[in-house]
Amino acid sequence: MEHPPDVAVVDIQILGWNGLTTLKAFRIQPVLSGVRMMMLTSDASKDTMLQAIRLGADDYLLKSRFCKEEFYRKLEKLLSWSPANH
């Protein structure tokens, strides 16, 4: 909590844990609420995608379509985001 990250990449399907729970926990903590969140998942279902968006995900990347260039582009976009720019 002393040093919150600028960006967090969270897998939705973590063994023994649900990444959406992590997303929700970040969004309710004042210190972490502004952290940019990218969800990484193999779950391509519309329901999961919508749930992540509703919980405050800033971006979403499917593992089945994983491309490191796209991943880096998305990270750069999240890192350059600021409330003053949007």
PDB file of N, CA and C in Angstrom:
ATOM      1  N   MET A   1       0.818  -1.201   0.000  1.00  0.00           N
ATOM      2  CA  MET A   1       0.000   0.000   0.000  1.00  0.00           C
ATOM      3  C   MET A   1       0.863   1.268   0.000  1.00  0.00           C
ATOM      4  N   GLU A   2       2.099   1.145   0.479  1.00  0.00           N
ATOM      5  CA  GLU A   2       2.977   2.306   0.484  1.00  0.00           C
ATOM      6  C   GLU A   2       3.397   2.731  -0.912  1.00  0.00           C
ATOM      7  N   HIS A   3       3.561   1.748  -1.795  1.00  0.00           N
ATOM      8  CA  HIS A   3       4.039   2.012  -3.153  1.00  0.00           C
ATOM      9  C   HIS A   3       3.135   1.326  -4.159  1.00  0.00           C
ATOM     10  N   PRO A   4       1.955   1.899  -4.416  1.00  0.00           N
ATOM     11  CA  PRO A   4       1.037   1.255  -5.372  1.00  0.00           C
ATOM     12  C   PRO A   4       1.624   1.264  -6.783  1.00  0.00           C
ATOM     13  N   PRO A   5       1.353   0.227  -7.548  1.00  0.00           N
ATOM     14  CA  PRO A   5       1.861   0.179  -8.923  1.00  0.00           C
ATOM     15  C   PRO A   5       1.118   1.170  -9.813  1.00  0.00           C
ATOM     16  N   ASP A   6       1.725   1.497 -10.938  1.00  0.00           N
ATOM     17  CA  ASP A   6       1.060   2.339 -11.929  1.00  0.00           C
ATOM     18  C   ASP A   6       0.058   1.518 -12.718  1.00  0.00           C
ATOM     19  N   VAL A   7       0.428   0.262 -12.996  1.00  0.00           N
ATOM     20  CA  VAL A   7      -0.401  -0.656 -13.782  1.00  0.00           C
ATOM     21  C   VAL A   7      -0.315  -2.041 -13.149  1.00  0.00           C
ATOM     22  N   ALA A   8      -1.438  -2.750 -13.168  1.00  0.00           N
ATOM     23  CA  ALA A   8      -1.458  -4.148 -12.734  1.00  0.00           C
ATOM     24  C   ALA A   8      -2.052  -4.985 -13.858  1.00  0.00           C
ATOM     25  N   VAL A   9      -1.386  -6.092 -14.169  1.00  0.00           N
ATOM     26  CA  VAL A   9      -1.892  -7.042 -15.150  1.00  0.00           C
ATOM     27  C   VAL A   9      -2.335  -8.252 -14.340  1.00  0.00           C
ATOM     28  N   VAL A  10      -3.623  -8.559 -14.418  1.00  0.00           N
ATOM     29  CA  VAL A  10      -4.201  -9.598 -13.571  1.00  0.00           C
ATOM     30  C   VAL A  10      -4.851 -10.668 -14.431  1.00  0.00           C
ATOM     31  N   ASP A  11      -4.472 -11.906 -14.179  1.00  0.00           N
ATOM     32  CA  ASP A  11      -5.100 -13.038 -14.853  1.00  0.00           C
ATOM     33  C   ASP A  11      -6.441 -13.286 -14.171  1.00  0.00           C
ATOM     34  N   ILE A  12      -7.485 -13.423 -14.930  1.00  0.00           N
ATOM     35  CA  ILE A  12      -8.811 -13.648 -14.342  1.00  0.00           C
ATOM     36  C   ILE A  12      -8.904 -15.026 -13.712  1.00  0.00           C
ATOM     37  N   GLN A  13      -8.262 -16.013 -14.306  1.00  0.00           N
ATOM     38  CA  GLN A  13      -8.359 -17.381 -13.814  1.00  0.00           C
ATOM     39  C   GLN A  13      -7.068 -17.798 -13.115  1.00  0.00           C
ATOM     40  N   ILE A  14      -6.895 -17.327 -11.912  1.00  0.00           N
ATOM     41  CA  ILE A  14      -5.732 -17.658 -11.094  1.00  0.00           C
ATOM     42  C   ILE A  14      -6.086 -18.902 -10.280  1.00  0.00           C
ATOM     43  N   LEU A  15      -5.179 -19.853 -10.223  1.00  0.00           N
ATOM     44  CA  LEU A  15      -5.412 -21.076  -9.471  1.00  0.00           C
ATOM     45  C   LEU A  15      -5.769 -20.750  -8.018  1.00  0.00           C
ATOM     46  N   GLY A  16      -6.955 -21.134  -7.609  1.00  0.00           N
ATOM     47  CA  GLY A  16      -7.393 -20.889  -6.236  1.00  0.00           C
ATOM     48  C   GLY A  16      -7.864 -19.470  -5.964  1.00  0.00           C
ATOM     49  N   TRP A  17      -7.977 -18.669  -6.986  1.00  0.00           N
ATOM     50  CA  TRP A  17      -8.358 -17.268  -6.804  1.00  0.00           C
ATOM     51  C   TRP A  17      -9.023 -16.778  -8.074  1.00  0.00           C
ATOM     52  N   ASN A  18      -9.811 -15.751  -7.962  1.00  0.00           N
ATOM     53  CA  ASN A  18     -10.490 -15.156  -9.098  1.00  0.00           C
ATOM     54  C   ASN A  18      -9.928 -13.751  -9.303  1.00  0.00           C
ATOM     55  N   GLY A  19      -9.358 -13.501 -10.463  1.00  0.00           N
ATOM     56  CA  GLY A  19      -8.777 -12.193 -10.746  1.00  0.00           C
ATOM     57  C   GLY A  19      -9.790 -11.056 -10.704  1.00  0.00           C
ATOM     58  N   LEU A  20     -11.055 -11.362 -10.935  1.00  0.00           N
ATOM     59  CA  LEU A  20     -12.088 -10.329 -10.818  1.00  0.00           C
ATOM     60  C   LEU A  20     -12.222  -9.871  -9.367  1.00  0.00           C
ATOM     61  N   THR A  21     -11.968 -10.780  -8.436  1.00  0.00           N
ATOM     62  CA  THR A  21     -11.968 -10.421  -7.012  1.00  0.00           C
ATOM     63  C   THR A  21     -10.827  -9.452  -6.729  1.00  0.00           C
ATOM     64  N   THR A  22      -9.683  -9.698  -7.350  1.00  0.00           N
ATOM     65  CA  THR A  22      -8.538  -8.787  -7.204  1.00  0.00           C
ATOM     66  C   THR A  22      -8.885  -7.411  -7.765  1.00  0.00           C
ATOM     67  N   LEU A  23      -9.482  -7.383  -8.925  1.00  0.00           N
ATOM     68  CA  LEU A  23      -9.901  -6.127  -9.546  1.00  0.00           C
ATOM     69  C   LEU A  23     -10.840  -5.363  -8.619  1.00  0.00           C
ATOM     70  N   LYS A  24     -11.817  -6.050  -8.093  1.00  0.00           N
ATOM     71  CA  LYS A  24     -12.789  -5.418  -7.189  1.00  0.00           C
ATOM     72  C   LYS A  24     -12.100  -4.880  -5.940  1.00  0.00           C
ATOM     73  N   ALA A  25     -11.156  -5.657  -5.382  1.00  0.00           N
ATOM     74  CA  ALA A  25     -10.428  -5.226  -4.187  1.00  0.00           C
ATOM     75  C   ALA A  25      -9.607  -3.967  -4.458  1.00  0.00           C
ATOM     76  N   PHE A  26      -8.985  -3.897  -5.635  1.00  0.00           N
ATOM     77  CA  PHE A  26      -8.227  -2.700  -6.004  1.00  0.00           C
ATOM     78  C   PHE A  26      -9.155  -1.490  -6.087  1.00  0.00           C
ATOM     79  N   ARG A  27     -10.308  -1.659  -6.672  1.00  0.00           N
ATOM     80  CA  ARG A  27     -11.209  -0.531  -6.902  1.00  0.00           C
ATOM     81  C   ARG A  27     -11.840   0.018  -5.619  1.00  0.00           C
ATOM     82  N   ILE A  28     -11.925  -0.789  -4.569  1.00  0.00           N
ATOM     83  CA  ILE A  28     -12.525  -0.281  -3.324  1.00  0.00           C
ATOM     84  C   ILE A  28     -11.483   0.284  -2.350  1.00  0.00           C
ATOM     85  N   GLN A  29     -10.207   0.025  -2.609  1.00  0.00           N
ATOM     86  CA  GLN A  29      -9.146   0.574  -1.762  1.00  0.00           C
ATOM     87  C   GLN A  29      -8.750   1.961  -2.266  1.00  0.00           C
ATOM     88  N   PRO A  30      -8.902   2.986  -1.452  1.00  0.00           N
ATOM     89  CA  PRO A  30      -8.565   4.338  -1.924  1.00  0.00           C
ATOM     90  C   PRO A  30      -7.154   4.459  -2.505  1.00  0.00           C
ATOM     91  N   VAL A  31      -6.177   3.814  -1.886  1.00  0.00           N
ATOM     92  CA  VAL A  31      -4.791   3.911  -2.344  1.00  0.00           C
ATOM     93  C   VAL A  31      -4.594   3.211  -3.692  1.00  0.00           C
ATOM     94  N   LEU A  32      -5.379   2.178  -3.968  1.00  0.00           N
ATOM     95  CA  LEU A  32      -5.215   1.384  -5.185  1.00  0.00           C
ATOM     96  C   LEU A  32      -6.258   1.685  -6.259  1.00  0.00           C
ATOM     97  N   SER A  33      -7.248   2.470  -5.921  1.00  0.00           N
ATOM     98  CA  SER A  33      -8.370   2.679  -6.843  1.00  0.00           C
ATOM     99  C   SER A  33      -7.965   3.310  -8.170  1.00  0.00           C
ATOM    100  N   GLY A  34      -6.868   4.059  -8.204  1.00  0.00           N
ATOM    101  CA  GLY A  34      -6.434   4.708  -9.426  1.00  0.00           C
ATOM    102  C   GLY A  34      -5.454   3.895 -10.257  1.00  0.00           C
ATOM    103  N   VAL A  35      -5.094   2.708  -9.775  1.00  0.00           N
ATOM    104  CA  VAL A  35      -4.159   1.856 -10.514  1.00  0.00           C
ATOM    105  C   VAL A  35      -4.834   1.383 -11.787  1.00  0.00           C
ATOM    106  N   ARG A  36      -4.156   1.536 -12.903  1.00  0.00           N
ATOM    107  CA  ARG A  36      -4.683   1.080 -14.189  1.00  0.00           C
ATOM    108  C   ARG A  36      -4.634  -0.449 -14.199  1.00  0.00           C
ATOM    109  N   MET A  37      -5.722  -1.100 -14.600  1.00  0.00           N
ATOM    110  CA  MET A  37      -5.830  -2.556 -14.530  1.00  0.00           C
ATOM    111  C   MET A  37      -6.092  -3.162 -15.904  1.00  0.00           C
ATOM    112  N   MET A  38      -5.219  -4.102 -16.295  1.00  0.00           N
ATOM    113  CA  MET A  38      -5.427  -4.869 -17.517  1.00  0.00           C
ATOM    114  C   MET A  38      -5.720  -6.308 -17.114  1.00  0.00           C
ATOM    115  N   MET A  39      -6.824  -6.825 -17.612  1.00  0.00           N
ATOM    116  CA  MET A  39      -7.189  -8.208 -17.343  1.00  0.00           C
ATOM    117  C   MET A  39      -6.646  -9.081 -18.466  1.00  0.00           C
ATOM    118  N   LEU A  40      -5.988 -10.171 -18.081  1.00  0.00           N
ATOM    119  CA  LEU A  40      -5.426 -11.127 -19.030  1.00  0.00           C
ATOM    120  C   LEU A  40      -6.139 -12.446 -18.777  1.00  0.00           C
ATOM    121  N   THR A  41      -6.705 -13.041 -19.819  1.00  0.00           N
ATOM    122  CA  THR A  41      -7.507 -14.237 -19.588  1.00  0.00           C
ATOM    123  C   THR A  41      -7.637 -15.106 -20.829  1.00  0.00           C
ATOM    124  N   SER A  42      -7.953 -16.342 -20.581  1.00  0.00           N
ATOM    125  CA  SER A  42      -8.298 -17.242 -21.690  1.00  0.00           C
ATOM    126  C   SER A  42      -9.817 -17.333 -21.823  1.00  0.00           C
ATOM    127  N   ASP A  43     -10.538 -16.684 -20.913  1.00  0.00           N
ATOM    128  CA  ASP A  43     -12.002 -16.690 -20.915  1.00  0.00           C
ATOM    129  C   ASP A  43     -12.510 -15.608 -21.868  1.00  0.00           C
ATOM    130  N   ALA A  44     -12.989 -16.025 -23.019  1.00  0.00           N
ATOM    131  CA  ALA A  44     -13.471 -15.078 -24.031  1.00  0.00           C
ATOM    132  C   ALA A  44     -14.971 -14.827 -23.940  1.00  0.00           C
ATOM    133  N   SER A  45     -15.605 -15.272 -22.857  1.00  0.00           N
ATOM    134  CA  SER A  45     -17.053 -15.108 -22.761  1.00  0.00           C
ATOM    135  C   SER A  45     -17.430 -13.634 -22.576  1.00  0.00           C
ATOM    136  N   LYS A  46     -18.514 -13.276 -23.213  1.00  0.00           N
ATOM    137  CA  LYS A  46     -19.015 -11.900 -23.138  1.00  0.00           C
ATOM    138  C   LYS A  46     -19.355 -11.530 -21.695  1.00  0.00           C
ATOM    139  N   ASP A  47     -19.913 -12.469 -20.935  1.00  0.00           N
ATOM    140  CA  ASP A  47     -20.285 -12.191 -19.544  1.00  0.00           C
ATOM    141  C   ASP A  47     -19.063 -11.812 -18.696  1.00  0.00           C
ATOM    142  N   THR A  48     -17.982 -12.559 -18.865  1.00  0.00           N
ATOM    143  CA  THR A  48     -16.770 -12.271 -18.090  1.00  0.00           C
ATOM    144  C   THR A  48     -16.188 -10.926 -18.493  1.00  0.00           C
ATOM    145  N   MET A  49     -16.170 -10.652 -19.785  1.00  0.00           N
ATOM    146  CA  MET A  49     -15.653  -9.380 -20.282  1.00  0.00           C
ATOM    147  C   MET A  49     -16.481  -8.213 -19.733  1.00  0.00           C
ATOM    148  N   LEU A  50     -17.794  -8.345 -19.774  1.00  0.00           N
ATOM    149  CA  LEU A  50     -18.673  -7.285 -19.259  1.00  0.00           C
ATOM    150  C   LEU A  50     -18.509  -7.113 -17.752  1.00  0.00           C
ATOM    151  N   GLN A  51     -18.361  -8.211 -17.041  1.00  0.00           N
ATOM    152  CA  GLN A  51     -18.163  -8.127 -15.597  1.00  0.00           C
ATOM    153  C   GLN A  51     -16.861  -7.387 -15.278  1.00  0.00           C
ATOM    154  N   ALA A  52     -15.806  -7.677 -16.010  1.00  0.00           N
ATOM    155  CA  ALA A  52     -14.533  -6.987 -15.793  1.00  0.00           C
ATOM    156  C   ALA A  52     -14.675  -5.493 -16.052  1.00  0.00           C
ATOM    157  N   ILE A  53     -15.366  -5.142 -17.105  1.00  0.00           N
ATOM    158  CA  ILE A  53     -15.586  -3.726 -17.422  1.00  0.00           C
ATOM    159  C   ILE A  53     -16.405  -3.053 -16.327  1.00  0.00           C
ATOM    160  N   ARG A  54     -17.470  -3.718 -15.881  1.00  0.00           N
ATOM    161  CA  ARG A  54     -18.309  -3.158 -14.808  1.00  0.00           C
ATOM    162  C   ARG A  54     -17.523  -2.950 -13.515  1.00  0.00           C
ATOM    163  N   LEU A  55     -16.572  -3.840 -13.252  1.00  0.00           N
ATOM    164  CA  LEU A  55     -15.768  -3.739 -12.036  1.00  0.00           C
ATOM    165  C   LEU A  55     -14.636  -2.720 -12.162  1.00  0.00           C
ATOM    166  N   GLY A  56     -14.431  -2.194 -13.367  1.00  0.00           N
ATOM    167  CA  GLY A  56     -13.452  -1.126 -13.538  1.00  0.00           C
ATOM    168  C   GLY A  56     -12.171  -1.497 -14.255  1.00  0.00           C
ATOM    169  N   ALA A  57     -12.159  -2.591 -15.016  1.00  0.00           N
ATOM    170  CA  ALA A  57     -10.975  -2.927 -15.807  1.00  0.00           C
ATOM    171  C   ALA A  57     -10.735  -1.838 -16.849  1.00  0.00           C
ATOM    172  N   ASP A  58      -9.488  -1.492 -17.051  1.00  0.00           N
ATOM    173  CA  ASP A  58      -9.139  -0.473 -18.040  1.00  0.00           C
ATOM    174  C   ASP A  58      -8.859  -1.074 -19.408  1.00  0.00           C
ATOM    175  N   ASP A  59      -8.499  -2.350 -19.430  1.00  0.00           N
ATOM    176  CA  ASP A  59      -8.252  -3.032 -20.693  1.00  0.00           C
ATOM    177  C   ASP A  59      -8.384  -4.529 -20.460  1.00  0.00           C
ATOM    178  N   TYR A  60      -8.427  -5.272 -21.552  1.00  0.00           N
ATOM    179  CA  TYR A  60      -8.724  -6.703 -21.510  1.00  0.00           C
ATOM    180  C   TYR A  60      -7.950  -7.354 -22.651  1.00  0.00           C
ATOM    181  N   LEU A  61      -7.203  -8.408 -22.349  1.00  0.00           N
ATOM    182  CA  LEU A  61      -6.421  -9.088 -23.370  1.00  0.00           C
ATOM    183  C   LEU A  61      -6.650 -10.587 -23.274  1.00  0.00           C
ATOM    184  N   LEU A  62      -7.023 -11.183 -24.392  1.00  0.00           N
ATOM    185  CA  LEU A  62      -7.263 -12.624 -24.435  1.00  0.00           C
ATOM    186  C   LEU A  62      -5.962 -13.369 -24.691  1.00  0.00           C
ATOM    187  N   LYS A  63      -5.719 -14.415 -23.898  1.00  0.00           N
ATOM    188  CA  LYS A  63      -4.510 -15.212 -24.079  1.00  0.00           C
ATOM    189  C   LYS A  63      -4.495 -15.907 -25.431  1.00  0.00           C
ATOM    190  N   SER A  64      -5.648 -16.303 -25.919  1.00  0.00           N
ATOM    191  CA  SER A  64      -5.708 -17.012 -27.197  1.00  0.00           C
ATOM    192  C   SER A  64      -5.268 -16.133 -28.366  1.00  0.00           C
ATOM    193  N   ARG A  65      -5.311 -14.831 -28.164  1.00  0.00           N
ATOM    194  CA  ARG A  65      -4.891 -13.886 -29.211  1.00  0.00           C
ATOM    195  C   ARG A  65      -3.657 -13.107 -28.780  1.00  0.00           C
ATOM    196  N   PHE A  66      -2.927 -13.662 -27.817  1.00  0.00           N
ATOM    197  CA  PHE A  66      -1.801 -12.932 -27.237  1.00  0.00           C
ATOM    198  C   PHE A  66      -0.731 -12.625 -28.277  1.00  0.00           C
ATOM    199  N   CYS A  67      -0.357 -11.383 -28.288  1.00  0.00           N
ATOM    200  CA  CYS A  67       0.694 -10.889 -29.172  1.00  0.00           C
ATOM    201  C   CYS A  67       1.489  -9.889 -28.331  1.00  0.00           C
ATOM    202  N   LYS A  68       2.781 -10.135 -28.176  1.00  0.00           N
ATOM    203  CA  LYS A  68       3.543  -9.274 -27.271  1.00  0.00           C
ATOM    204  C   LYS A  68       3.539  -7.814 -27.720  1.00  0.00           C
ATOM    205  N   GLU A  69       3.483  -7.557 -29.015  1.00  0.00           N
ATOM    206  CA  GLU A  69       3.437  -6.175 -29.488  1.00  0.00           C
ATOM    207  C   GLU A  69       2.150  -5.490 -29.022  1.00  0.00           C
ATOM    208  N   GLU A  70       1.033  -6.210 -29.120  1.00  0.00           N
ATOM    209  CA  GLU A  70      -0.229  -5.645 -28.657  1.00  0.00           C
ATOM    210  C   GLU A  70      -0.202  -5.448 -27.144  1.00  0.00           C
ATOM    211  N   PHE A  71       0.355  -6.411 -26.428  1.00  0.00           N
ATOM    212  CA  PHE A  71       0.479  -6.311 -24.972  1.00  0.00           C
ATOM    213  C   PHE A  71       1.279  -5.062 -24.595  1.00  0.00           C
ATOM    214  N   TYR A  72       2.432  -4.866 -25.242  1.00  0.00           N
ATOM    215  CA  TYR A  72       3.257  -3.685 -24.958  1.00  0.00           C
ATOM    216  C   TYR A  72       2.532  -2.392 -25.319  1.00  0.00           C
ATOM    217  N   ARG A  73       1.811  -2.396 -26.427  1.00  0.00           N
ATOM    218  CA  ARG A  73       1.055  -1.209 -26.843  1.00  0.00           C
ATOM    219  C   ARG A  73       0.001  -0.851 -25.797  1.00  0.00           C
ATOM    220  N   LYS A  74      -0.698  -1.885 -25.317  1.00  0.00           N
ATOM    221  CA  LYS A  74      -1.728  -1.657 -24.305  1.00  0.00           C
ATOM    222  C   LYS A  74      -1.110  -1.145 -23.001  1.00  0.00           C
ATOM    223  N   LEU A  75       0.040  -1.712 -22.615  1.00  0.00           N
ATOM    224  CA  LEU A  75       0.725  -1.246 -21.405  1.00  0.00           C
ATOM    225  C   LEU A  75       1.156   0.206 -21.548  1.00  0.00           C
ATOM    226  N   GLU A  76       1.725   0.537 -22.692  1.00  0.00           N
ATOM    227  CA  GLU A  76       2.138   1.931 -22.922  1.00  0.00           C
ATOM    228  C   GLU A  76       0.958   2.880 -22.816  1.00  0.00           C
ATOM    229  N   LYS A  77      -0.156   2.480 -23.389  1.00  0.00           N
ATOM    230  CA  LYS A  77      -1.366   3.310 -23.329  1.00  0.00           C
ATOM    231  C   LYS A  77      -1.814   3.507 -21.882  1.00  0.00           C
ATOM    232  N   LEU A  78      -1.807   2.431 -21.107  1.00  0.00           N
ATOM    233  CA  LEU A  78      -2.218   2.544 -19.706  1.00  0.00           C
ATOM    234  C   LEU A  78      -1.235   3.383 -18.905  1.00  0.00           C
ATOM    235  N   LEU A  79       0.050   3.233 -19.179  1.00  0.00           N
ATOM    236  CA  LEU A  79       1.057   4.007 -18.452  1.00  0.00           C
ATOM    237  C   LEU A  79       1.026   5.487 -18.808  1.00  0.00           C
ATOM    238  N   SER A  80       0.614   5.821 -20.023  1.00  0.00           N
ATOM    239  CA  SER A  80       0.571   7.224 -20.430  1.00  0.00           C
ATOM    240  C   SER A  80      -0.738   7.902 -20.056  1.00  0.00           C
ATOM    241  N   TRP A  81      -1.720   7.113 -19.608  1.00  0.00           N
ATOM    242  CA  TRP A  81      -3.021   7.659 -19.252  1.00  0.00           C
ATOM    243  C   TRP A  81      -2.905   8.492 -17.988  1.00  0.00           C
ATOM    244  N   SER A  82      -3.567   9.605 -17.976  1.00  0.00           N
ATOM    245  CA  SER A  82      -3.701  10.403 -16.760  1.00  0.00           C
ATOM    246  C   SER A  82      -5.040  11.119 -16.826  1.00  0.00           C
ATOM    247  N   PRO A  83      -5.633  11.417 -15.664  1.00  0.00           N
ATOM    248  CA  PRO A  83      -6.928  12.110 -15.671  1.00  0.00           C
ATOM    249  C   PRO A  83      -6.879  13.433 -16.444  1.00  0.00           C
ATOM    250  N   ALA A  84      -5.735  14.099 -16.443  1.00  0.00           N
ATOM    251  CA  ALA A  84      -5.621  15.372 -17.151  1.00  0.00           C
ATOM    252  C   ALA A  84      -5.720  15.183 -18.663  1.00  0.00           C
ATOM    253  N   ASN A  85      -5.314  13.993 -19.157  1.00  0.00           N
ATOM    254  CA  ASN A  85      -5.347  13.739 -20.597  1.00  0.00           C
ATOM    255  C   ASN A  85      -6.689  13.206 -21.065  1.00  0.00           C
ATOM    256  N   HIS A  86      -7.566  12.807 -20.176  1.00  0.00           N
ATOM    257  CA  HIS A  86      -8.820  12.168 -20.568  1.00  0.00           C
ATOM    258  C   HIS A  86     -10.020  12.780 -19.894  1.00  0.00           C
TER     259      HIS A  86
END
